Amino acid sequence: MITTDQERDVFVAIADPTRRKLIRLLAGSDELALYELTAHFEMGRTAVSKHLAVLKEADLVRNHKIGRETRYRLNAAPLQEVKDWLAFYEDFWTESAAKLKNILED
């Protein structure tokens, strides 16, 4: 079972390929309605809504209603945590490659 902390964790939210695709779709536009997002998947609106709820709990997605339609937009700010985490590994691999190059040159 997923705990509340995990549900709000940006890493848990982006772990699923469907949610990563939703983020990519939302990054490419100002906002999209649920039916527009659902058209990109081989699943129903309910399943897409559940994925959007996980992204919303992680504050990666914001929504508002216009009449009966719910529109979604990306809030990319929480992705900074992922970028910062990956930066450490980028530095690690850059340094490792430089060390390997020095060993091979010697």
PDB file of N, CA and C in Angstrom:
ATOM      1  N   MET A   1       0.836  -1.190   0.000  1.00  0.00           N
ATOM      2  CA  MET A   1       0.000   0.000   0.000  1.00  0.00           C
ATOM      3  C   MET A   1       0.876   1.247   0.000  1.00  0.00           C
ATOM      4  N   ILE A   2       0.477   2.257  -0.715  1.00  0.00           N
ATOM      5  CA  ILE A   2       1.235   3.500  -0.812  1.00  0.00           C
ATOM      6  C   ILE A   2       0.868   4.400   0.356  1.00  0.00           C
ATOM      7  N   THR A   3       1.902   4.957   0.994  1.00  0.00           N
ATOM      8  CA  THR A   3       1.653   5.879   2.095  1.00  0.00           C
ATOM      9  C   THR A   3       1.463   7.279   1.561  1.00  0.00           C
ATOM     10  N   THR A   4       0.968   8.164   2.403  1.00  0.00           N
ATOM     11  CA  THR A   4       0.722   9.548   1.992  1.00  0.00           C
ATOM     12  C   THR A   4       2.012  10.222   1.551  1.00  0.00           C
ATOM     13  N   ASP A   5       3.133   9.970   2.254  1.00  0.00           N
ATOM     14  CA  ASP A   5       4.405  10.578   1.873  1.00  0.00           C
ATOM     15  C   ASP A   5       4.811  10.152   0.472  1.00  0.00           C
ATOM     16  N   GLN A   6       4.628   8.862   0.154  1.00  0.00           N
ATOM     17  CA  GLN A   6       4.994   8.390  -1.170  1.00  0.00           C
ATOM     18  C   GLN A   6       4.083   8.978  -2.232  1.00  0.00           C
ATOM     19  N   GLU A   7       2.821   9.143  -1.936  1.00  0.00           N
ATOM     20  CA  GLU A   7       1.897   9.687  -2.920  1.00  0.00           C
ATOM     21  C   GLU A   7       2.269  11.117  -3.290  1.00  0.00           C
ATOM     22  N   ARG A   8       2.851  11.837  -2.365  1.00  0.00           N
ATOM     23  CA  ARG A   8       3.221  13.225  -2.619  1.00  0.00           C
ATOM     24  C   ARG A   8       4.651  13.356  -3.150  1.00  0.00           C
ATOM     25  N   ASP A   9       5.374  12.275  -3.209  1.00  0.00           N
ATOM     26  CA  ASP A   9       6.760  12.265  -3.654  1.00  0.00           C
ATOM     27  C   ASP A   9       6.822  12.375  -5.178  1.00  0.00           C
ATOM     28  N   VAL A  10       7.551  13.342  -5.659  1.00  0.00           N
ATOM     29  CA  VAL A  10       7.654  13.564  -7.103  1.00  0.00           C
ATOM     30  C   VAL A  10       8.285  12.361  -7.795  1.00  0.00           C
ATOM     31  N   PHE A  11       9.206  11.661  -7.139  1.00  0.00           N
ATOM     32  CA  PHE A  11       9.844  10.492  -7.739  1.00  0.00           C
ATOM     33  C   PHE A  11       8.845   9.351  -7.933  1.00  0.00           C
ATOM     34  N   VAL A  12       7.957   9.161  -6.982  1.00  0.00           N
ATOM     35  CA  VAL A  12       6.910   8.143  -7.113  1.00  0.00           C
ATOM     36  C   VAL A  12       5.972   8.538  -8.252  1.00  0.00           C
ATOM     37  N   ALA A  13       5.653   9.801  -8.330  1.00  0.00           N
ATOM     38  CA  ALA A  13       4.722  10.274  -9.366  1.00  0.00           C
ATOM     39  C   ALA A  13       5.274  10.061 -10.771  1.00  0.00           C
ATOM     40  N   ILE A  14       6.566  10.271 -10.963  1.00  0.00           N
ATOM     41  CA  ILE A  14       7.128  10.142 -12.316  1.00  0.00           C
ATOM     42  C   ILE A  14       7.633   8.731 -12.610  1.00  0.00           C
ATOM     43  N   ALA A  15       7.499   7.815 -11.657  1.00  0.00           N
ATOM     44  CA  ALA A  15       7.982   6.451 -11.858  1.00  0.00           C
ATOM     45  C   ALA A  15       7.180   5.702 -12.921  1.00  0.00           C
ATOM     46  N   ASP A  16       5.959   6.074 -13.127  1.00  0.00           N
ATOM     47  CA  ASP A  16       5.088   5.373 -14.065  1.00  0.00           C
ATOM     48  C   ASP A  16       5.191   5.981 -15.464  1.00  0.00           C
ATOM     49  N   PRO A  17       5.371   5.157 -16.502  1.00  0.00           N
ATOM     50  CA  PRO A  17       5.498   5.691 -17.868  1.00  0.00           C
ATOM     51  C   PRO A  17       4.262   6.453 -18.347  1.00  0.00           C
ATOM     52  N   THR A  18       3.088   6.056 -17.898  1.00  0.00           N
ATOM     53  CA  THR A  18       1.872   6.786 -18.295  1.00  0.00           C
ATOM     54  C   THR A  18       1.902   8.196 -17.739  1.00  0.00           C
ATOM     55  N   ARG A  19       2.323   8.331 -16.498  1.00  0.00           N
ATOM     56  CA  ARG A  19       2.381   9.673 -15.894  1.00  0.00           C
ATOM     57  C   ARG A  19       3.479  10.519 -16.532  1.00  0.00           C
ATOM     58  N   ARG A  20       4.585   9.891 -16.910  1.00  0.00           N
ATOM     59  CA  ARG A  20       5.626  10.645 -17.614  1.00  0.00           C
ATOM     60  C   ARG A  20       5.105  11.138 -18.959  1.00  0.00           C
ATOM     61  N   LYS A  21       4.310  10.312 -19.639  1.00  0.00           N
ATOM     62  CA  LYS A  21       3.727  10.740 -20.922  1.00  0.00           C
ATOM     63  C   LYS A  21       2.740  11.881 -20.703  1.00  0.00           C
ATOM     64  N   LEU A  22       1.958  11.813 -19.628  1.00  0.00           N
ATOM     65  CA  LEU A  22       1.035  12.914 -19.307  1.00  0.00           C
ATOM     66  C   LEU A  22       1.810  14.208 -19.080  1.00  0.00           C
ATOM     67  N   ILE A  23       2.913  14.128 -18.355  1.00  0.00           N
ATOM     68  CA  ILE A  23       3.746  15.314 -18.109  1.00  0.00           C
ATOM     69  C   ILE A  23       4.253  15.869 -19.430  1.00  0.00           C
ATOM     70  N   ARG A  24       4.717  14.987 -20.314  1.00  0.00           N
ATOM     71  CA  ARG A  24       5.220  15.412 -21.619  1.00  0.00           C
ATOM     72  C   ARG A  24       4.128  16.099 -22.431  1.00  0.00           C
ATOM     73  N   LEU A  25       2.935  15.523 -22.414  1.00  0.00           N
ATOM     74  CA  LEU A  25       1.816  16.124 -23.147  1.00  0.00           C
ATOM     75  C   LEU A  25       1.465  17.502 -22.590  1.00  0.00           C
ATOM     76  N   LEU A  26       1.416  17.601 -21.271  1.00  0.00           N
ATOM     77  CA  LEU A  26       1.062  18.882 -20.651  1.00  0.00           C
ATOM     78  C   LEU A  26       2.164  19.919 -20.837  1.00  0.00           C
ATOM     79  N   ALA A  27       3.406  19.467 -20.928  1.00  0.00           N
ATOM     80  CA  ALA A  27       4.515  20.406 -21.150  1.00  0.00           C
ATOM     81  C   ALA A  27       4.434  21.038 -22.528  1.00  0.00           C
ATOM     82  N   GLY A  28       3.774  20.359 -23.446  1.00  0.00           N
ATOM     83  CA  GLY A  28       3.680  20.857 -24.814  1.00  0.00           C
ATOM     84  C   GLY A  28       2.513  21.789 -25.078  1.00  0.00           C
ATOM     85  N   SER A  29       1.745  22.118 -24.046  1.00  0.00           N
ATOM     86  CA  SER A  29       0.612  23.031 -24.248  1.00  0.00           C
ATOM     87  C   SER A  29       0.339  23.800 -22.962  1.00  0.00           C
ATOM     88  N   ASP A  30      -0.469  24.843 -23.087  1.00  0.00           N
ATOM     89  CA  ASP A  30      -0.829  25.633 -21.908  1.00  0.00           C
ATOM     90  C   ASP A  30      -1.664  24.812 -20.943  1.00  0.00           C
ATOM     91  N   GLU A  31      -2.686  24.167 -21.461  1.00  0.00           N
ATOM     92  CA  GLU A  31      -3.528  23.283 -20.663  1.00  0.00           C
ATOM     93  C   GLU A  31      -4.347  22.412 -21.594  1.00  0.00           C
ATOM     94  N   LEU A  32      -4.740  21.252 -21.068  1.00  0.00           N
ATOM     95  CA  LEU A  32      -5.519  20.307 -21.861  1.00  0.00           C
ATOM     96  C   LEU A  32      -6.677  19.768 -21.037  1.00  0.00           C
ATOM     97  N   ALA A  33      -7.776  19.477 -21.709  1.00  0.00           N
ATOM     98  CA  ALA A  33      -8.930  18.868 -21.057  1.00  0.00           C
ATOM     99  C   ALA A  33      -8.689  17.364 -20.926  1.00  0.00           C
ATOM    100  N   LEU A  34      -9.404  16.752 -20.017  1.00  0.00           N
ATOM    101  CA  LEU A  34      -9.268  15.322 -19.784  1.00  0.00           C
ATOM    102  C   LEU A  34      -9.490  14.523 -21.066  1.00  0.00           C
ATOM    103  N   TYR A  35     -10.505  14.878 -21.836  1.00  0.00           N
ATOM    104  CA  TYR A  35     -10.773  14.121 -23.059  1.00  0.00           C
ATOM    105  C   TYR A  35      -9.625  14.246 -24.055  1.00  0.00           C
ATOM    106  N   GLU A  36      -8.941  15.397 -24.080  1.00  0.00           N
ATOM    107  CA  GLU A  36      -7.802  15.581 -24.978  1.00  0.00           C
ATOM    108  C   GLU A  36      -6.626  14.705 -24.542  1.00  0.00           C
ATOM    109  N   LEU A  37      -6.416  14.594 -23.241  1.00  0.00           N
ATOM    110  CA  LEU A  37      -5.342  13.745 -22.726  1.00  0.00           C
ATOM    111  C   LEU A  37      -5.650  12.269 -22.958  1.00  0.00           C
ATOM    112  N   THR A  38      -6.896  11.882 -22.711  1.00  0.00           N
ATOM    113  CA  THR A  38      -7.301  10.484 -22.845  1.00  0.00           C
ATOM    114  C   THR A  38      -7.114   9.982 -24.273  1.00  0.00           C
ATOM    115  N   ALA A  39      -7.250  10.846 -25.243  1.00  0.00           N
ATOM    116  CA  ALA A  39      -7.109  10.453 -26.656  1.00  0.00           C
ATOM    117  C   ALA A  39      -5.723   9.889 -26.972  1.00  0.00           C
ATOM    118  N   HIS A  40      -4.730  10.166 -26.129  1.00  0.00           N
ATOM    119  CA  HIS A  40      -3.358   9.711 -26.357  1.00  0.00           C
ATOM    120  C   HIS A  40      -3.057   8.344 -25.729  1.00  0.00           C
ATOM    121  N   PHE A  41      -4.048   7.739 -25.096  1.00  0.00           N
ATOM    122  CA  PHE A  41      -3.825   6.490 -24.368  1.00  0.00           C
ATOM    123  C   PHE A  41      -4.848   5.435 -24.764  1.00  0.00           C
ATOM    124  N   GLU A  42      -4.476   4.199 -24.567  1.00  0.00           N
ATOM    125  CA  GLU A  42      -5.398   3.091 -24.783  1.00  0.00           C
ATOM    126  C   GLU A  42      -6.004   2.686 -23.441  1.00  0.00           C
ATOM    127  N   MET A  43      -6.613   3.636 -22.780  1.00  0.00           N
ATOM    128  CA  MET A  43      -7.295   3.418 -21.502  1.00  0.00           C
ATOM    129  C   MET A  43      -8.408   4.438 -21.400  1.00  0.00           C
ATOM    130  N   GLY A  44      -9.309   4.207 -20.490  1.00  0.00           N
ATOM    131  CA  GLY A  44     -10.447   5.091 -20.338  1.00  0.00           C
ATOM    132  C   GLY A  44     -10.140   6.345 -19.545  1.00  0.00           C
ATOM    133  N   ARG A  45     -11.133   7.224 -19.500  1.00  0.00           N
ATOM    134  CA  ARG A  45     -10.992   8.490 -18.785  1.00  0.00           C
ATOM    135  C   ARG A  45     -10.733   8.277 -17.297  1.00  0.00           C
ATOM    136  N   THR A  46     -11.358   7.254 -16.721  1.00  0.00           N
ATOM    137  CA  THR A  46     -11.184   6.995 -15.291  1.00  0.00           C
ATOM    138  C   THR A  46      -9.734   6.654 -14.975  1.00  0.00           C
ATOM    139  N   ALA A  47      -9.118   5.817 -15.797  1.00  0.00           N
ATOM    140  CA  ALA A  47      -7.720   5.444 -15.576  1.00  0.00           C
ATOM    141  C   ALA A  47      -6.799   6.655 -15.723  1.00  0.00           C
ATOM    142  N   VAL A  48      -7.037   7.461 -16.744  1.00  0.00           N
ATOM    143  CA  VAL A  48      -6.225   8.669 -16.935  1.00  0.00           C
ATOM    144  C   VAL A  48      -6.430   9.611 -15.761  1.00  0.00           C
ATOM    145  N   SER A  49      -7.653   9.734 -15.288  1.00  0.00           N
ATOM    146  CA  SER A  49      -7.948  10.595 -14.127  1.00  0.00           C
ATOM    147  C   SER A  49      -7.184  10.146 -12.889  1.00  0.00           C
ATOM    148  N   LYS A  50      -7.060   8.837 -12.702  1.00  0.00           N
ATOM    149  CA  LYS A  50      -6.309   8.325 -11.547  1.00  0.00           C
ATOM    150  C   LYS A  50      -4.832   8.691 -11.645  1.00  0.00           C
ATOM    151  N   HIS A  51      -4.275   8.601 -12.843  1.00  0.00           N
ATOM    152  CA  HIS A  51      -2.884   9.009 -13.030  1.00  0.00           C
ATOM    153  C   HIS A  51      -2.722  10.511 -12.788  1.00  0.00           C
ATOM    154  N   LEU A  52      -3.663  11.289 -13.271  1.00  0.00           N
ATOM    155  CA  LEU A  52      -3.614  12.740 -13.045  1.00  0.00           C
ATOM    156  C   LEU A  52      -3.726  13.063 -11.558  1.00  0.00           C
ATOM    157  N   ALA A  53      -4.501  12.282 -10.813  1.00  0.00           N
ATOM    158  CA  ALA A  53      -4.641  12.505  -9.366  1.00  0.00           C
ATOM    159  C   ALA A  53      -3.306  12.304  -8.656  1.00  0.00           C
ATOM    160  N   VAL A  54      -2.537  11.297  -9.066  1.00  0.00           N
ATOM    161  CA  VAL A  54      -1.212  11.067  -8.474  1.00  0.00           C
ATOM    162  C   VAL A  54      -0.300  12.254  -8.782  1.00  0.00           C
ATOM    163  N   LEU A  55      -0.333  12.720 -10.025  1.00  0.00           N
ATOM    164  CA  LEU A  55       0.479  13.885 -10.398  1.00  0.00           C
ATOM    165  C   LEU A  55       0.035  15.129  -9.634  1.00  0.00           C
ATOM    166  N   LYS A  56      -1.250  15.247  -9.421  1.00  0.00           N
ATOM    167  CA  LYS A  56      -1.777  16.397  -8.678  1.00  0.00           C
ATOM    168  C   LYS A  56      -1.330  16.346  -7.214  1.00  0.00           C
ATOM    169  N   GLU A  57      -1.336  15.160  -6.611  1.00  0.00           N
ATOM    170  CA  GLU A  57      -0.888  15.019  -5.221  1.00  0.00           C
ATOM    171  C   GLU A  57       0.581  15.387  -5.069  1.00  0.00           C
ATOM    172  N   ALA A  58       1.365  15.162  -6.113  1.00  0.00           N
ATOM    173  CA  ALA A  58       2.779  15.539  -6.106  1.00  0.00           C
ATOM    174  C   ALA A  58       2.978  16.985  -6.549  1.00  0.00           C
ATOM    175  N   ASP A  59       1.893  17.704  -6.772  1.00  0.00           N
ATOM    176  CA  ASP A  59       1.879  19.103  -7.199  1.00  0.00           C
ATOM    177  C   ASP A  59       2.504  19.310  -8.585  1.00  0.00           C
ATOM    178  N   LEU A  60       2.536  18.254  -9.391  1.00  0.00           N
ATOM    179  CA  LEU A  60       3.046  18.367 -10.747  1.00  0.00           C
ATOM    180  C   LEU A  60       1.983  18.828 -11.732  1.00  0.00           C
ATOM    181  N   VAL A  61       0.734  18.681 -11.341  1.00  0.00           N
ATOM    182  CA  VAL A  61      -0.388  19.056 -12.206  1.00  0.00           C
ATOM    183  C   VAL A  61      -1.363  19.900 -11.397  1.00  0.00           C
ATOM    184  N   ARG A  62      -1.866  20.905 -12.044  1.00  0.00           N
ATOM    185  CA  ARG A  62      -2.925  21.736 -11.453  1.00  0.00           C
ATOM    186  C   ARG A  62      -4.117  21.681 -12.400  1.00  0.00           C
ATOM    187  N   ASN A  63      -5.295  21.853 -11.852  1.00  0.00           N
ATOM    188  CA  ASN A  63      -6.482  21.799 -12.687  1.00  0.00           C
ATOM    189  C   ASN A  63      -7.495  22.844 -12.269  1.00  0.00           C
ATOM    190  N   HIS A  64      -8.398  23.128 -13.183  1.00  0.00           N
ATOM    191  CA  HIS A  64      -9.533  23.997 -12.875  1.00  0.00           C
ATOM    192  C   HIS A  64     -10.685  23.585 -13.791  1.00  0.00           C
ATOM    193  N   LYS A  65     -11.862  23.911 -13.357  1.00  0.00           N
ATOM    194  CA  LYS A  65     -13.061  23.546 -14.117  1.00  0.00           C
ATOM    195  C   LYS A  65     -13.560  24.748 -14.907  1.00  0.00           C
ATOM    196  N   ILE A  66     -13.988  24.451 -16.109  1.00  0.00           N
ATOM    197  CA  ILE A  66     -14.688  25.427 -16.945  1.00  0.00           C
ATOM    198  C   ILE A  66     -15.994  24.741 -17.327  1.00  0.00           C
ATOM    199  N   GLY A  67     -17.036  25.109 -16.654  1.00  0.00           N
ATOM    200  CA  GLY A  67     -18.319  24.418 -16.845  1.00  0.00           C
ATOM    201  C   GLY A  67     -18.192  22.986 -16.353  1.00  0.00           C
ATOM    202  N   ARG A  68     -18.493  22.029 -17.209  1.00  0.00           N
ATOM    203  CA  ARG A  68     -18.385  20.622 -16.846  1.00  0.00           C
ATOM    204  C   ARG A  68     -17.022  20.035 -17.182  1.00  0.00           C
ATOM    205  N   GLU A  69     -16.180  20.805 -17.827  1.00  0.00           N
ATOM    206  CA  GLU A  69     -14.887  20.329 -18.299  1.00  0.00           C
ATOM    207  C   GLU A  69     -13.778  20.665 -17.297  1.00  0.00           C
ATOM    208  N   THR A  70     -12.930  19.688 -17.011  1.00  0.00           N
ATOM    209  CA  THR A  70     -11.756  19.924 -16.169  1.00  0.00           C
ATOM    210  C   THR A  70     -10.541  20.049 -17.072  1.00  0.00           C
ATOM    211  N   ARG A  71      -9.789  21.121 -16.890  1.00  0.00           N
ATOM    212  CA  ARG A  71      -8.595  21.378 -17.684  1.00  0.00           C
ATOM    213  C   ARG A  71      -7.374  21.251 -16.791  1.00  0.00           C
ATOM    214  N   TYR A  72      -6.305  20.670 -17.345  1.00  0.00           N
ATOM    215  CA  TYR A  72      -5.089  20.388 -16.587  1.00  0.00           C
ATOM    216  C   TYR A  72      -3.912  21.133 -17.188  1.00  0.00           C
ATOM    217  N   ARG A  73      -2.998  21.542 -16.309  1.00  0.00           N
ATOM    218  CA  ARG A  73      -1.758  22.177 -16.769  1.00  0.00           C
ATOM    219  C   ARG A  73      -0.613  21.688 -15.903  1.00  0.00           C
ATOM    220  N   LEU A  74       0.566  21.734 -16.457  1.00  0.00           N
ATOM    221  CA  LEU A  74       1.761  21.273 -15.766  1.00  0.00           C
ATOM    222  C   LEU A  74       2.275  22.329 -14.801  1.00  0.00           C
ATOM    223  N   ASN A  75       2.676  21.900 -13.624  1.00  0.00           N
ATOM    224  CA  ASN A  75       3.428  22.726 -12.692  1.00  0.00           C
ATOM    225  C   ASN A  75       4.799  22.065 -12.588  1.00  0.00           C
ATOM    226  N   ALA A  76       5.760  22.565 -13.331  1.00  0.00           N
ATOM    227  CA  ALA A  76       7.070  21.916 -13.441  1.00  0.00           C
ATOM    228  C   ALA A  76       7.985  22.162 -12.247  1.00  0.00           C
ATOM    229  N   ALA A  77       7.642  23.059 -11.353  1.00  0.00           N
ATOM    230  CA  ALA A  77       8.520  23.407 -10.237  1.00  0.00           C
ATOM    231  C   ALA A  77       8.993  22.191  -9.425  1.00  0.00           C
ATOM    232  N   PRO A  78       8.132  21.222  -9.088  1.00  0.00           N
ATOM    233  CA  PRO A  78       8.611  20.066  -8.324  1.00  0.00           C
ATOM    234  C   PRO A  78       9.651  19.219  -9.065  1.00  0.00           C
ATOM    235  N   LEU A  79       9.729  19.338 -10.383  1.00  0.00           N
ATOM    236  CA  LEU A  79      10.723  18.588 -11.145  1.00  0.00           C
ATOM    237  C   LEU A  79      12.144  19.082 -10.870  1.00  0.00           C
ATOM    238  N   GLN A  80      12.266  20.253 -10.257  1.00  0.00           N
ATOM    239  CA  GLN A  80      13.594  20.759  -9.885  1.00  0.00           C
ATOM    240  C   GLN A  80      14.277  19.788  -8.922  1.00  0.00           C
ATOM    241  N   GLU A  81      13.503  19.149  -8.045  1.00  0.00           N
ATOM    242  CA  GLU A  81      14.054  18.157  -7.114  1.00  0.00           C
ATOM    243  C   GLU A  81      14.687  16.997  -7.883  1.00  0.00           C
ATOM    244  N   VAL A  82      14.048  16.564  -8.937  1.00  0.00           N
ATOM    245  CA  VAL A  82      14.580  15.483  -9.766  1.00  0.00           C
ATOM    246  C   VAL A  82      15.850  15.956 -10.472  1.00  0.00           C
ATOM    247  N   LYS A  83      15.805  17.151 -11.003  1.00  0.00           N
ATOM    248  CA  LYS A  83      16.976  17.707 -11.697  1.00  0.00           C
ATOM    249  C   LYS A  83      18.167  17.803 -10.753  1.00  0.00           C
ATOM    250  N   ASP A  84      17.938  18.279  -9.538  1.00  0.00           N
ATOM    251  CA  ASP A  84      19.022  18.392  -8.560  1.00  0.00           C
ATOM    252  C   ASP A  84      19.595  17.026  -8.212  1.00  0.00           C
ATOM    253  N   TRP A  85      18.726  16.037  -8.054  1.00  0.00           N
ATOM    254  CA  TRP A  85      19.172  14.690  -7.720  1.00  0.00           C
ATOM    255  C   TRP A  85      20.015  14.110  -8.852  1.00  0.00           C
ATOM    256  N   LEU A  86      19.562  14.307 -10.100  1.00  0.00           N
ATOM    257  CA  LEU A  86      20.288  13.794 -11.249  1.00  0.00           C
ATOM    258  C   LEU A  86      21.621  14.511 -11.467  1.00  0.00           C
ATOM    259  N   ALA A  87      21.702  15.764 -11.058  1.00  0.00           N
ATOM    260  CA  ALA A  87      22.934  16.535 -11.233  1.00  0.00           C
ATOM    261  C   ALA A  87      24.109  15.870 -10.526  1.00  0.00           C
ATOM    262  N   PHE A  88      23.852  15.296  -9.347  1.00  0.00           N
ATOM    263  CA  PHE A  88      24.915  14.597  -8.625  1.00  0.00           C
ATOM    264  C   PHE A  88      25.468  13.469  -9.477  1.00  0.00           C
ATOM    265  N   TYR A  89      24.603  12.688 -10.089  1.00  0.00           N
ATOM    266  CA  TYR A  89      25.037  11.544 -10.888  1.00  0.00           C
ATOM    267  C   TYR A  89      25.687  11.970 -12.186  1.00  0.00           C
ATOM    268  N   GLU A  90      25.261  13.082 -12.722  1.00  0.00           N
ATOM    269  CA  GLU A  90      25.928  13.608 -13.912  1.00  0.00           C
ATOM    270  C   GLU A  90      27.374  13.950 -13.585  1.00  0.00           C
ATOM    271  N   ASP A  91      27.581  14.619 -12.443  1.00  0.00           N
ATOM    272  CA  ASP A  91      28.941  14.940 -12.003  1.00  0.00           C
ATOM    273  C   ASP A  91      29.746  13.668 -11.752  1.00  0.00           C
ATOM    274  N   PHE A  92      29.109  12.677 -11.118  1.00  0.00           N
ATOM    275  CA  PHE A  92      29.785  11.408 -10.829  1.00  0.00           C
ATOM    276  C   PHE A  92      30.281  10.751 -12.110  1.00  0.00           C
ATOM    277  N   TRP A  93      29.404  10.656 -13.129  1.00  0.00           N
ATOM    278  CA  TRP A  93      29.796   9.987 -14.360  1.00  0.00           C
ATOM    279  C   TRP A  93      30.803  10.809 -15.161  1.00  0.00           C
ATOM    280  N   THR A  94      30.713  12.116 -15.093  1.00  0.00           N
ATOM    281  CA  THR A  94      31.694  12.957 -15.777  1.00  0.00           C
ATOM    282  C   THR A  94      33.073  12.744 -15.172  1.00  0.00           C
ATOM    283  N   GLU A  95      33.133  12.738 -13.829  1.00  0.00           N
ATOM    284  CA  GLU A  95      34.409  12.506 -13.144  1.00  0.00           C
ATOM    285  C   GLU A  95      34.923  11.089 -13.396  1.00  0.00           C
ATOM    286  N   SER A  96      34.039  10.122 -13.373  1.00  0.00           N
ATOM    287  CA  SER A  96      34.445   8.729 -13.621  1.00  0.00           C
ATOM    288  C   SER A  96      34.997   8.559 -15.026  1.00  0.00           C
ATOM    289  N   ALA A  97      34.367   9.176 -15.999  1.00  0.00           N
ATOM    290  CA  ALA A  97      34.843   9.088 -17.384  1.00  0.00           C
ATOM    291  C   ALA A  97      36.209   9.756 -17.520  1.00  0.00           C
ATOM    292  N   ALA A  98      36.405  10.876 -16.831  1.00  0.00           N
ATOM    293  CA  ALA A  98      37.698  11.567 -16.879  1.00  0.00           C
ATOM    294  C   ALA A  98      38.792  10.702 -16.249  1.00  0.00           C
ATOM    295  N   LYS A  99      38.481  10.040 -15.133  1.00  0.00           N
ATOM    296  CA  LYS A  99      39.456   9.144 -14.480  1.00  0.00           C
ATOM    297  C   LYS A  99      39.803   7.978 -15.383  1.00  0.00           C
ATOM    298  N   LEU A 100      38.791   7.397 -16.031  1.00  0.00           N
ATOM    299  CA  LEU A 100      39.021   6.284 -16.939  1.00  0.00           C
ATOM    300  C   LEU A 100      39.888   6.728 -18.120  1.00  0.00           C
ATOM    301  N   LYS A 101      39.618   7.892 -18.637  1.00  0.00           N
ATOM    302  CA  LYS A 101      40.430   8.421 -19.760  1.00  0.00           C
ATOM    303  C   LYS A 101      41.882   8.575 -19.334  1.00  0.00           C
ATOM    304  N   ASN A 102      42.106   9.095 -18.121  1.00  0.00           N
ATOM    305  CA  ASN A 102      43.478   9.260 -17.620  1.00  0.00           C
ATOM    306  C   ASN A 102      44.165   7.913 -17.456  1.00  0.00           C
ATOM    307  N   ILE A 103      43.463   6.912 -16.956  1.00  0.00           N
ATOM    308  CA  ILE A 103      44.037   5.577 -16.774  1.00  0.00           C
ATOM    309  C   ILE A 103      44.400   4.979 -18.139  1.00  0.00           C
ATOM    310  N   LEU A 104      43.507   5.115 -19.089  1.00  0.00           N
ATOM    311  CA  LEU A 104      43.751   4.557 -20.408  1.00  0.00           C
ATOM    312  C   LEU A 104      44.888   5.273 -21.136  1.00  0.00           C
ATOM    313  N   GLU A 105      45.051   6.555 -20.887  1.00  0.00           N
ATOM    314  CA  GLU A 105      46.133   7.306 -21.524  1.00  0.00           C
ATOM    315  C   GLU A 105      47.487   6.969 -20.933  1.00  0.00           C
ATOM    316  N   ASP A 106      47.492   6.552 -19.665  1.00  0.00           N
ATOM    317  CA  ASP A 106      48.766   6.201 -18.987  1.00  0.00           C
ATOM    318  C   ASP A 106      49.248   4.869 -19.418  1.00  0.00           C
TER     319      ASP A 106
END
